[in-house]
Amino acid sequence: MLARYLGEKGFGEFRHMAGKRGDRSHAWLQQGNVILDITADQFSDFPHGPVYVGTDGDWYQAFAGHDSGPADYSKYGDYIEAMLSASYANIMGQ
């Protein structure tokens, strides 16, 4: 939903990045070398604040992340798209 919001606000397309380190997986948004991560603080060794927007990708290398394509929830099928679209509309209406 964050990628959709940013796209609608004119910030362009973000990519859904996903990787695994040990038994833990992680996902973040990326546009070129700019990383946008709102959940990395779940890891005790994350060197930045609770929300990260920047170009320091060193920490992410341990996840061997791969580009999972455009960060767009419509790619997960009609059911997921309908659920998340309804949630997105509700959030945007607040």
PDB file of N, CA and C in Angstrom:
ATOM      1  N   MET A   1       0.820  -1.186   0.000  1.00  0.00           N
ATOM      2  CA  MET A   1       0.000   0.000   0.000  1.00  0.00           C
ATOM      3  C   MET A   1       0.868   1.255   0.000  1.00  0.00           C
ATOM      4  N   LEU A   2       1.999   1.196   0.688  1.00  0.00           N
ATOM      5  CA  LEU A   2       2.894   2.354   0.702  1.00  0.00           C
ATOM      6  C   LEU A   2       3.419   2.656  -0.698  1.00  0.00           C
ATOM      7  N   ALA A   3       3.808   1.646  -1.433  1.00  0.00           N
ATOM      8  CA  ALA A   3       4.294   1.859  -2.799  1.00  0.00           C
ATOM      9  C   ALA A   3       3.205   2.453  -3.679  1.00  0.00           C
ATOM     10  N   ARG A   4       1.983   1.996  -3.525  1.00  0.00           N
ATOM     11  CA  ARG A   4       0.873   2.547  -4.308  1.00  0.00           C
ATOM     12  C   ARG A   4       0.676   4.021  -3.961  1.00  0.00           C
ATOM     13  N   TYR A   5       0.696   4.346  -2.681  1.00  0.00           N
ATOM     14  CA  TYR A   5       0.535   5.725  -2.250  1.00  0.00           C
ATOM     15  C   TYR A   5       1.635   6.613  -2.838  1.00  0.00           C
ATOM     16  N   LEU A   6       2.877   6.160  -2.734  1.00  0.00           N
ATOM     17  CA  LEU A   6       3.994   6.949  -3.257  1.00  0.00           C
ATOM     18  C   LEU A   6       3.881   7.135  -4.766  1.00  0.00           C
ATOM     19  N   GLY A   7       3.470   6.094  -5.466  1.00  0.00           N
ATOM     20  CA  GLY A   7       3.276   6.195  -6.902  1.00  0.00           C
ATOM     21  C   GLY A   7       2.197   7.203  -7.255  1.00  0.00           C
ATOM     22  N   GLU A   8       1.092   7.162  -6.517  1.00  0.00           N
ATOM     23  CA  GLU A   8       0.005   8.105  -6.765  1.00  0.00           C
ATOM     24  C   GLU A   8       0.416   9.547  -6.472  1.00  0.00           C
ATOM     25  N   LYS A   9       1.381   9.730  -5.587  1.00  0.00           N
ATOM     26  CA  LYS A   9       1.858  11.064  -5.227  1.00  0.00           C
ATOM     27  C   LYS A   9       3.005  11.531  -6.126  1.00  0.00           C
ATOM     28  N   GLY A  10       3.325  10.736  -7.155  1.00  0.00           N
ATOM     29  CA  GLY A  10       4.304  11.159  -8.139  1.00  0.00           C
ATOM     30  C   GLY A  10       5.738  10.766  -7.860  1.00  0.00           C
ATOM     31  N   PHE A  11       5.955   9.828  -6.949  1.00  0.00           N
ATOM     32  CA  PHE A  11       7.318   9.412  -6.616  1.00  0.00           C
ATOM     33  C   PHE A  11       7.805   8.240  -7.460  1.00  0.00           C
ATOM     34  N   GLY A  12       7.039   7.801  -8.420  1.00  0.00           N
ATOM     35  CA  GLY A  12       7.472   6.739  -9.316  1.00  0.00           C
ATOM     36  C   GLY A  12       7.253   5.354  -8.761  1.00  0.00           C
ATOM     37  N   GLU A  13       7.773   4.390  -9.511  1.00  0.00           N
ATOM     38  CA  GLU A  13       7.588   2.983  -9.162  1.00  0.00           C
ATOM     39  C   GLU A  13       8.661   2.511  -8.189  1.00  0.00           C
ATOM     40  N   PHE A  14       8.232   1.778  -7.176  1.00  0.00           N
ATOM     41  CA  PHE A  14       9.146   1.126  -6.247  1.00  0.00           C
ATOM     42  C   PHE A  14       9.119  -0.374  -6.516  1.00  0.00           C
ATOM     43  N   ARG A  15      10.228  -1.002  -6.239  1.00  0.00           N
ATOM     44  CA  ARG A  15      10.354  -2.444  -6.421  1.00  0.00           C
ATOM     45  C   ARG A  15      10.195  -3.128  -5.065  1.00  0.00           C
ATOM     46  N   HIS A  16       9.600  -4.305  -5.098  1.00  0.00           N
ATOM     47  CA  HIS A  16       9.451  -5.127  -3.903  1.00  0.00           C
ATOM     48  C   HIS A  16      10.699  -5.999  -3.795  1.00  0.00           C
ATOM     49  N   MET A  17      11.502  -5.745  -2.788  1.00  0.00           N
ATOM     50  CA  MET A  17      12.724  -6.511  -2.560  1.00  0.00           C
ATOM     51  C   MET A  17      12.467  -7.496  -1.424  1.00  0.00           C
ATOM     52  N   ALA A  18      12.978  -8.706  -1.569  1.00  0.00           N
ATOM     53  CA  ALA A  18      12.766  -9.728  -0.550  1.00  0.00           C
ATOM     54  C   ALA A  18      14.016 -10.575  -0.419  1.00  0.00           C
ATOM     55  N   GLY A  19      14.315 -10.952   0.799  1.00  0.00           N
ATOM     56  CA  GLY A  19      15.476 -11.791   1.028  1.00  0.00           C
ATOM     57  C   GLY A  19      15.347 -12.544   2.332  1.00  0.00           C
ATOM     58  N   LYS A  20      16.342 -13.378   2.589  1.00  0.00           N
ATOM     59  CA  LYS A  20      16.330 -14.208   3.780  1.00  0.00           C
ATOM     60  C   LYS A  20      17.724 -14.219   4.387  1.00  0.00           C
ATOM     61  N   ARG A  21      17.780 -14.119   5.701  1.00  0.00           N
ATOM     62  CA  ARG A  21      19.031 -14.206   6.444  1.00  0.00           C
ATOM     63  C   ARG A  21      18.796 -15.221   7.551  1.00  0.00           C
ATOM     64  N   GLY A  22      19.484 -16.342   7.452  1.00  0.00           N
ATOM     65  CA  GLY A  22      19.217 -17.418   8.404  1.00  0.00           C
ATOM     66  C   GLY A  22      17.789 -17.901   8.224  1.00  0.00           C
ATOM     67  N   ASP A  23      17.044 -17.947   9.319  1.00  0.00           N
ATOM     68  CA  ASP A  23      15.654 -18.401   9.236  1.00  0.00           C
ATOM     69  C   ASP A  23      14.660 -17.240   9.200  1.00  0.00           C
ATOM     70  N   ARG A  24      15.159 -16.026   9.015  1.00  0.00           N
ATOM     71  CA  ARG A  24      14.276 -14.856   8.999  1.00  0.00           C
ATOM     72  C   ARG A  24      14.243 -14.223   7.613  1.00  0.00           C
ATOM     73  N   SER A  25      13.057 -13.903   7.186  1.00  0.00           N
ATOM     74  CA  SER A  25      12.899 -13.232   5.901  1.00  0.00           C
ATOM     75  C   SER A  25      12.615 -11.751   6.146  1.00  0.00           C
ATOM     76  N   HIS A  26      12.826 -10.969   5.109  1.00  0.00           N
ATOM     77  CA  HIS A  26      12.580  -9.537   5.218  1.00  0.00           C
ATOM     78  C   HIS A  26      12.235  -8.993   3.839  1.00  0.00           C
ATOM     79  N   ALA A  27      11.433  -7.952   3.818  1.00  0.00           N
ATOM     80  CA  ALA A  27      11.056  -7.292   2.567  1.00  0.00           C
ATOM     81  C   ALA A  27      11.134  -5.789   2.761  1.00  0.00           C
ATOM     82  N   TRP A  28      11.454  -5.081   1.679  1.00  0.00           N
ATOM     83  CA  TRP A  28      11.542  -3.630   1.712  1.00  0.00           C
ATOM     84  C   TRP A  28      11.265  -3.106   0.321  1.00  0.00           C
ATOM     85  N   LEU A  29      11.094  -1.808   0.220  1.00  0.00           N
ATOM     86  CA  LEU A  29      10.883  -1.156  -1.065  1.00  0.00           C
ATOM     87  C   LEU A  29      12.186  -0.546  -1.537  1.00  0.00           C
ATOM     88  N   GLN A  30      12.374  -0.518  -2.837  1.00  0.00           N
ATOM     89  CA  GLN A  30      13.591   0.076  -3.374  1.00  0.00           C
ATOM     90  C   GLN A  30      13.295   0.711  -4.722  1.00  0.00           C
ATOM     91  N   GLN A  31      13.950   1.845  -4.952  1.00  0.00           N
ATOM     92  CA  GLN A  31      13.870   2.543  -6.232  1.00  0.00           C
ATOM     93  C   GLN A  31      15.291   2.942  -6.586  1.00  0.00           C
ATOM     94  N   GLY A  32      15.871   2.249  -7.546  1.00  0.00           N
ATOM     95  CA  GLY A  32      17.290   2.467  -7.838  1.00  0.00           C
ATOM     96  C   GLY A  32      18.113   2.074  -6.630  1.00  0.00           C
ATOM     97  N   ASN A  33      18.937   2.983  -6.133  1.00  0.00           N
ATOM     98  CA  ASN A  33      19.717   2.661  -4.937  1.00  0.00           C
ATOM     99  C   ASN A  33      19.073   3.213  -3.665  1.00  0.00           C
ATOM    100  N   VAL A  34      17.875   3.785  -3.775  1.00  0.00           N
ATOM    101  CA  VAL A  34      17.172   4.321  -2.611  1.00  0.00           C
ATOM    102  C   VAL A  34      16.331   3.212  -1.977  1.00  0.00           C
ATOM    103  N   ILE A  35      16.578   2.981  -0.706  1.00  0.00           N
ATOM    104  CA  ILE A  35      15.877   1.954   0.066  1.00  0.00           C
ATOM    105  C   ILE A  35      14.859   2.647   0.966  1.00  0.00           C
ATOM    106  N   LEU A  36      13.653   2.098   1.014  1.00  0.00           N
ATOM    107  CA  LEU A  36      12.617   2.577   1.910  1.00  0.00           C
ATOM    108  C   LEU A  36      12.151   1.370   2.714  1.00  0.00           C
ATOM    109  N   ASP A  37      12.372   1.420   4.017  1.00  0.00           N
ATOM    110  CA  ASP A  37      12.099   0.263   4.861  1.00  0.00           C
ATOM    111  C   ASP A  37      11.399   0.725   6.136  1.00  0.00           C
ATOM    112  N   ILE A  38      10.174   0.264   6.322  1.00  0.00           N
ATOM    113  CA  ILE A  38       9.420   0.666   7.509  1.00  0.00           C
ATOM    114  C   ILE A  38       9.360  -0.429   8.577  1.00  0.00           C
ATOM    115  N   THR A  39      10.051  -1.558   8.350  1.00  0.00           N
ATOM    116  CA  THR A  39       9.963  -2.665   9.311  1.00  0.00           C
ATOM    117  C   THR A  39      11.315  -3.237   9.735  1.00  0.00           C
ATOM    118  N   ALA A  40      12.415  -2.657   9.322  1.00  0.00           N
ATOM    119  CA  ALA A  40      13.725  -3.227   9.651  1.00  0.00           C
ATOM    120  C   ALA A  40      14.049  -3.148  11.132  1.00  0.00           C
ATOM    121  N   ASP A  41      13.381  -2.288  11.871  1.00  0.00           N
ATOM    122  CA  ASP A  41      13.678  -2.175  13.295  1.00  0.00           C
ATOM    123  C   ASP A  41      13.262  -3.412  14.091  1.00  0.00           C
ATOM    124  N   GLN A  42      12.640  -4.380  13.422  1.00  0.00           N
ATOM    125  CA  GLN A  42      12.346  -5.650  14.084  1.00  0.00           C
ATOM    126  C   GLN A  42      13.620  -6.462  14.318  1.00  0.00           C
ATOM    127  N   PHE A  43      14.704  -6.070  13.660  1.00  0.00           N
ATOM    128  CA  PHE A  43      15.988  -6.742  13.805  1.00  0.00           C
ATOM    129  C   PHE A  43      16.856  -5.942  14.771  1.00  0.00           C
ATOM    130  N   SER A  44      17.374  -6.606  15.791  1.00  0.00           N
ATOM    131  CA  SER A  44      18.143  -5.901  16.821  1.00  0.00           C
ATOM    132  C   SER A  44      19.442  -5.305  16.291  1.00  0.00           C
ATOM    133  N   ASP A  45      19.947  -5.806  15.177  1.00  0.00           N
ATOM    134  CA  ASP A  45      21.212  -5.295  14.643  1.00  0.00           C
ATOM    135  C   ASP A  45      21.020  -4.231  13.556  1.00  0.00           C
ATOM    136  N   PHE A  46      19.789  -3.780  13.342  1.00  0.00           N
ATOM    137  CA  PHE A  46      19.562  -2.763  12.322  1.00  0.00           C
ATOM    138  C   PHE A  46      20.206  -1.457  12.776  1.00  0.00           C
ATOM    139  N   PRO A  47      21.096  -0.884  11.950  1.00  0.00           N
ATOM    140  CA  PRO A  47      21.888   0.260  12.406  1.00  0.00           C
ATOM    141  C   PRO A  47      21.210   1.624  12.281  1.00  0.00           C
ATOM    142  N   HIS A  48      19.986   1.669  11.801  1.00  0.00           N
ATOM    143  CA  HIS A  48      19.313   2.946  11.589  1.00  0.00           C
ATOM    144  C   HIS A  48      18.077   3.027  12.473  1.00  0.00           C
ATOM    145  N   GLY A  49      17.323   4.105  12.342  1.00  0.00           N
ATOM    146  CA  GLY A  49      16.120   4.304  13.143  1.00  0.00           C
ATOM    147  C   GLY A  49      14.980   3.396  12.738  1.00  0.00           C
ATOM    148  N   PRO A  50      13.799   3.626  13.311  1.00  0.00           N
ATOM    149  CA  PRO A  50      12.660   2.740  13.053  1.00  0.00           C
ATOM    150  C   PRO A  50      12.154   2.768  11.616  1.00  0.00           C
ATOM    151  N   VAL A  51      12.362   3.860  10.918  1.00  0.00           N
ATOM    152  CA  VAL A  51      12.015   3.955   9.506  1.00  0.00           C
ATOM    153  C   VAL A  51      13.266   4.398   8.775  1.00  0.00           C
ATOM    154  N   TYR A  52      13.602   3.692   7.711  1.00  0.00           N
ATOM    155  CA  TYR A  52      14.826   4.015   6.987  1.00  0.00           C
ATOM    156  C   TYR A  52      14.515   4.399   5.548  1.00  0.00           C
ATOM    157  N   VAL A  53      15.039   5.549   5.156  1.00  0.00           N
ATOM    158  CA  VAL A  53      15.030   5.983   3.763  1.00  0.00           C
ATOM    159  C   VAL A  53      16.449   6.446   3.480  1.00  0.00           C
ATOM    160  N   GLY A  54      17.136   5.746   2.613  1.00  0.00           N
ATOM    161  CA  GLY A  54      18.513   6.109   2.324  1.00  0.00           C
ATOM    162  C   GLY A  54      19.139   5.198   1.297  1.00  0.00           C
ATOM    163  N   THR A  55      20.439   5.355   1.134  1.00  0.00           N
ATOM    164  CA  THR A  55      21.156   4.603   0.105  1.00  0.00           C
ATOM    165  C   THR A  55      22.192   3.634   0.680  1.00  0.00           C
ATOM    166  N   ASP A  56      22.268   3.517   1.987  1.00  0.00           N
ATOM    167  CA  ASP A  56      23.229   2.598   2.602  1.00  0.00           C
ATOM    168  C   ASP A  56      22.658   1.183   2.563  1.00  0.00           C
ATOM    169  N   GLY A  57      23.109   0.398   1.589  1.00  0.00           N
ATOM    170  CA  GLY A  57      22.585  -0.950   1.413  1.00  0.00           C
ATOM    171  C   GLY A  57      23.418  -2.043   2.053  1.00  0.00           C
ATOM    172  N   ASP A  58      24.439  -1.678   2.816  1.00  0.00           N
ATOM    173  CA  ASP A  58      25.326  -2.689   3.402  1.00  0.00           C
ATOM    174  C   ASP A  58      24.576  -3.705   4.257  1.00  0.00           C
ATOM    175  N   TRP A  59      23.704  -3.253   5.133  1.00  0.00           N
ATOM    176  CA  TRP A  59      22.981  -4.159   6.030  1.00  0.00           C
ATOM    177  C   TRP A  59      22.117  -5.133   5.238  1.00  0.00           C
ATOM    178  N   TYR A  60      21.573  -4.693   4.135  1.00  0.00           N
ATOM    179  CA  TYR A  60      20.657  -5.504   3.330  1.00  0.00           C
ATOM    180  C   TYR A  60      21.373  -6.616   2.562  1.00  0.00           C
ATOM    181  N   GLN A  61      22.648  -6.480   2.342  1.00  0.00           N
ATOM    182  CA  GLN A  61      23.393  -7.497   1.594  1.00  0.00           C
ATOM    183  C   GLN A  61      23.328  -8.857   2.258  1.00  0.00           C
ATOM    184  N   ALA A  62      23.229  -8.903   3.577  1.00  0.00           N
ATOM    185  CA  ALA A  62      23.155 -10.180   4.294  1.00  0.00           C
ATOM    186  C   ALA A  62      21.882 -10.953   3.962  1.00  0.00           C
ATOM    187  N   PHE A  63      20.882 -10.284   3.436  1.00  0.00           N
ATOM    188  CA  PHE A  63      19.629 -10.948   3.086  1.00  0.00           C
ATOM    189  C   PHE A  63      19.646 -11.512   1.668  1.00  0.00           C
ATOM    190  N   ALA A  64      20.690 -11.225   0.920  1.00  0.00           N
ATOM    191  CA  ALA A  64      20.764 -11.679  -0.468  1.00  0.00           C
ATOM    192  C   ALA A  64      19.433 -11.392  -1.163  1.00  0.00           C
ATOM    193  N   GLY A  65      18.950 -10.180  -0.990  1.00  0.00           N
ATOM    194  CA  GLY A  65      17.643  -9.796  -1.516  1.00  0.00           C
ATOM    195  C   GLY A  65      17.573  -9.857  -3.028  1.00  0.00           C
ATOM    196  N   HIS A  66      16.411 -10.159  -3.487  1.00  0.00           N
ATOM    197  CA  HIS A  66      16.174 -10.176  -4.923  1.00  0.00           C
ATOM    198  C   HIS A  66      14.968  -9.299  -5.246  1.00  0.00           C
ATOM    199  N   ASP A  67      14.940  -8.818  -6.437  1.00  0.00           N
ATOM    200  CA  ASP A  67      13.868  -7.959  -6.916  1.00  0.00           C
ATOM    201  C   ASP A  67      12.677  -8.847  -7.256  1.00  0.00           C
ATOM    202  N   SER A  68      11.599  -8.687  -6.521  1.00  0.00           N
ATOM    203  CA  SER A  68      10.385  -9.476  -6.742  1.00  0.00           C
ATOM    204  C   SER A  68       9.402  -8.787  -7.674  1.00  0.00           C
ATOM    205  N   GLY A  69       9.863  -7.738  -8.339  1.00  0.00           N
ATOM    206  CA  GLY A  69       9.011  -7.039  -9.284  1.00  0.00           C
ATOM    207  C   GLY A  69       8.426  -5.775  -8.683  1.00  0.00           C
ATOM    208  N   PRO A  70       7.541  -5.142  -9.419  1.00  0.00           N
ATOM    209  CA  PRO A  70       6.927  -3.912  -8.922  1.00  0.00           C
ATOM    210  C   PRO A  70       6.220  -4.162  -7.585  1.00  0.00           C
ATOM    211  N   ALA A  71       6.336  -3.204  -6.694  1.00  0.00           N
ATOM    212  CA  ALA A  71       5.657  -3.310  -5.402  1.00  0.00           C
ATOM    213  C   ALA A  71       4.202  -2.902  -5.613  1.00  0.00           C
ATOM    214  N   ASP A  72       3.410  -3.867  -6.049  1.00  0.00           N
ATOM    215  CA  ASP A  72       2.016  -3.616  -6.375  1.00  0.00           C
ATOM    216  C   ASP A  72       1.207  -4.830  -5.951  1.00  0.00           C
ATOM    217  N   TYR A  73       0.304  -4.629  -5.011  1.00  0.00           N
ATOM    218  CA  TYR A  73      -0.438  -5.767  -4.482  1.00  0.00           C
ATOM    219  C   TYR A  73      -1.416  -6.381  -5.477  1.00  0.00           C
ATOM    220  N   SER A  74      -1.642  -5.749  -6.612  1.00  0.00           N
ATOM    221  CA  SER A  74      -2.540  -6.339  -7.598  1.00  0.00           C
ATOM    222  C   SER A  74      -1.959  -7.616  -8.205  1.00  0.00           C
ATOM    223  N   LYS A  75      -0.657  -7.820  -8.084  1.00  0.00           N
ATOM    224  CA  LYS A  75      -0.031  -9.008  -8.664  1.00  0.00           C
ATOM    225  C   LYS A  75      -0.326 -10.289  -7.871  1.00  0.00           C
ATOM    226  N   TYR A  76      -0.971 -10.157  -6.721  1.00  0.00           N
ATOM    227  CA  TYR A  76      -1.243 -11.323  -5.881  1.00  0.00           C
ATOM    228  C   TYR A  76      -2.620 -11.932  -6.121  1.00  0.00           C
ATOM    229  N   GLY A  77      -3.306 -11.466  -7.145  1.00  0.00           N
ATOM    230  CA  GLY A  77      -4.594 -12.055  -7.495  1.00  0.00           C
ATOM    231  C   GLY A  77      -5.764 -11.181  -7.081  1.00  0.00           C
ATOM    232  N   ASP A  78      -6.911 -11.514  -7.634  1.00  0.00           N
ATOM    233  CA  ASP A  78      -8.119 -10.705  -7.453  1.00  0.00           C
ATOM    234  C   ASP A  78      -8.550 -10.587  -5.995  1.00  0.00           C
ATOM    235  N   TYR A  79      -8.490 -11.690  -5.260  1.00  0.00           N
ATOM    236  CA  TYR A  79      -8.959 -11.682  -3.868  1.00  0.00           C
ATOM    237  C   TYR A  79      -8.109 -10.742  -3.013  1.00  0.00           C
ATOM    238  N   ILE A  80      -6.794 -10.893  -3.089  1.00  0.00           N
ATOM    239  CA  ILE A  80      -5.885 -10.040  -2.310  1.00  0.00           C
ATOM    240  C   ILE A  80      -6.026  -8.592  -2.753  1.00  0.00           C
ATOM    241  N   GLU A  81      -6.096  -8.376  -4.052  1.00  0.00           N
ATOM    242  CA  GLU A  81      -6.245  -7.006  -4.543  1.00  0.00           C
ATOM    243  C   GLU A  81      -7.528  -6.369  -4.019  1.00  0.00           C
ATOM    244  N   ALA A  82      -8.617  -7.097  -4.009  1.00  0.00           N
ATOM    245  CA  ALA A  82      -9.883  -6.553  -3.514  1.00  0.00           C
ATOM    246  C   ALA A  82      -9.796  -6.214  -2.030  1.00  0.00           C
ATOM    247  N   MET A  83      -9.214  -7.118  -1.251  1.00  0.00           N
ATOM    248  CA  MET A  83      -9.074  -6.872   0.192  1.00  0.00           C
ATOM    249  C   MET A  83      -8.198  -5.653   0.468  1.00  0.00           C
ATOM    250  N   LEU A  84      -7.038  -5.602  -0.171  1.00  0.00           N
ATOM    251  CA  LEU A  84      -6.117  -4.502   0.094  1.00  0.00           C
ATOM    252  C   LEU A  84      -6.602  -3.194  -0.519  1.00  0.00           C
ATOM    253  N   SER A  85      -7.300  -3.254  -1.632  1.00  0.00           N
ATOM    254  CA  SER A  85      -7.867  -2.028  -2.204  1.00  0.00           C
ATOM    255  C   SER A  85      -8.911  -1.435  -1.269  1.00  0.00           C
ATOM    256  N   ALA A  86      -9.716  -2.283  -0.660  1.00  0.00           N
ATOM    257  CA  ALA A  86     -10.715  -1.803   0.295  1.00  0.00           C
ATOM    258  C   ALA A  86     -10.033  -1.184   1.514  1.00  0.00           C
ATOM    259  N   SER A  87      -8.984  -1.822   2.005  1.00  0.00           N
ATOM    260  CA  SER A  87      -8.233  -1.278   3.129  1.00  0.00           C
ATOM    261  C   SER A  87      -7.571   0.037   2.769  1.00  0.00           C
ATOM    262  N   TYR A  88      -6.993   0.097   1.572  1.00  0.00           N
ATOM    263  CA  TYR A  88      -6.331   1.310   1.108  1.00  0.00           C
ATOM    264  C   TYR A  88      -7.335   2.462   1.010  1.00  0.00           C
ATOM    265  N   ALA A  89      -8.490   2.184   0.450  1.00  0.00           N
ATOM    266  CA  ALA A  89      -9.530   3.213   0.320  1.00  0.00           C
ATOM    267  C   ALA A  89      -9.968   3.698   1.699  1.00  0.00           C
ATOM    268  N   ASN A  90     -10.086   2.780   2.644  1.00  0.00           N
ATOM    269  CA  ASN A  90     -10.462   3.143   4.005  1.00  0.00           C
ATOM    270  C   ASN A  90      -9.395   4.038   4.639  1.00  0.00           C
ATOM    271  N   ILE A  91      -8.150   3.678   4.487  1.00  0.00           N
ATOM    272  CA  ILE A  91      -7.047   4.480   5.038  1.00  0.00           C
ATOM    273  C   ILE A  91      -7.043   5.860   4.408  1.00  0.00           C
ATOM    274  N   MET A  92      -7.170   5.919   3.105  1.00  0.00           N
ATOM    275  CA  MET A  92      -7.122   7.202   2.401  1.00  0.00           C
ATOM    276  C   MET A  92      -8.334   8.079   2.748  1.00  0.00           C
ATOM    277  N   GLY A  93      -9.419   7.466   3.169  1.00  0.00           N
ATOM    278  CA  GLY A  93     -10.602   8.214   3.557  1.00  0.00           C
ATOM    279  C   GLY A  93     -10.519   8.816   4.948  1.00  0.00           C
ATOM    280  N   GLN A  94      -9.540   8.409   5.702  1.00  0.00           N
ATOM    281  CA  GLN A  94      -9.396   8.907   7.082  1.00  0.00           C
ATOM    282  C   GLN A  94      -8.779  10.270   7.136  1.00  0.00           C
TER     283      GLN A  94
END
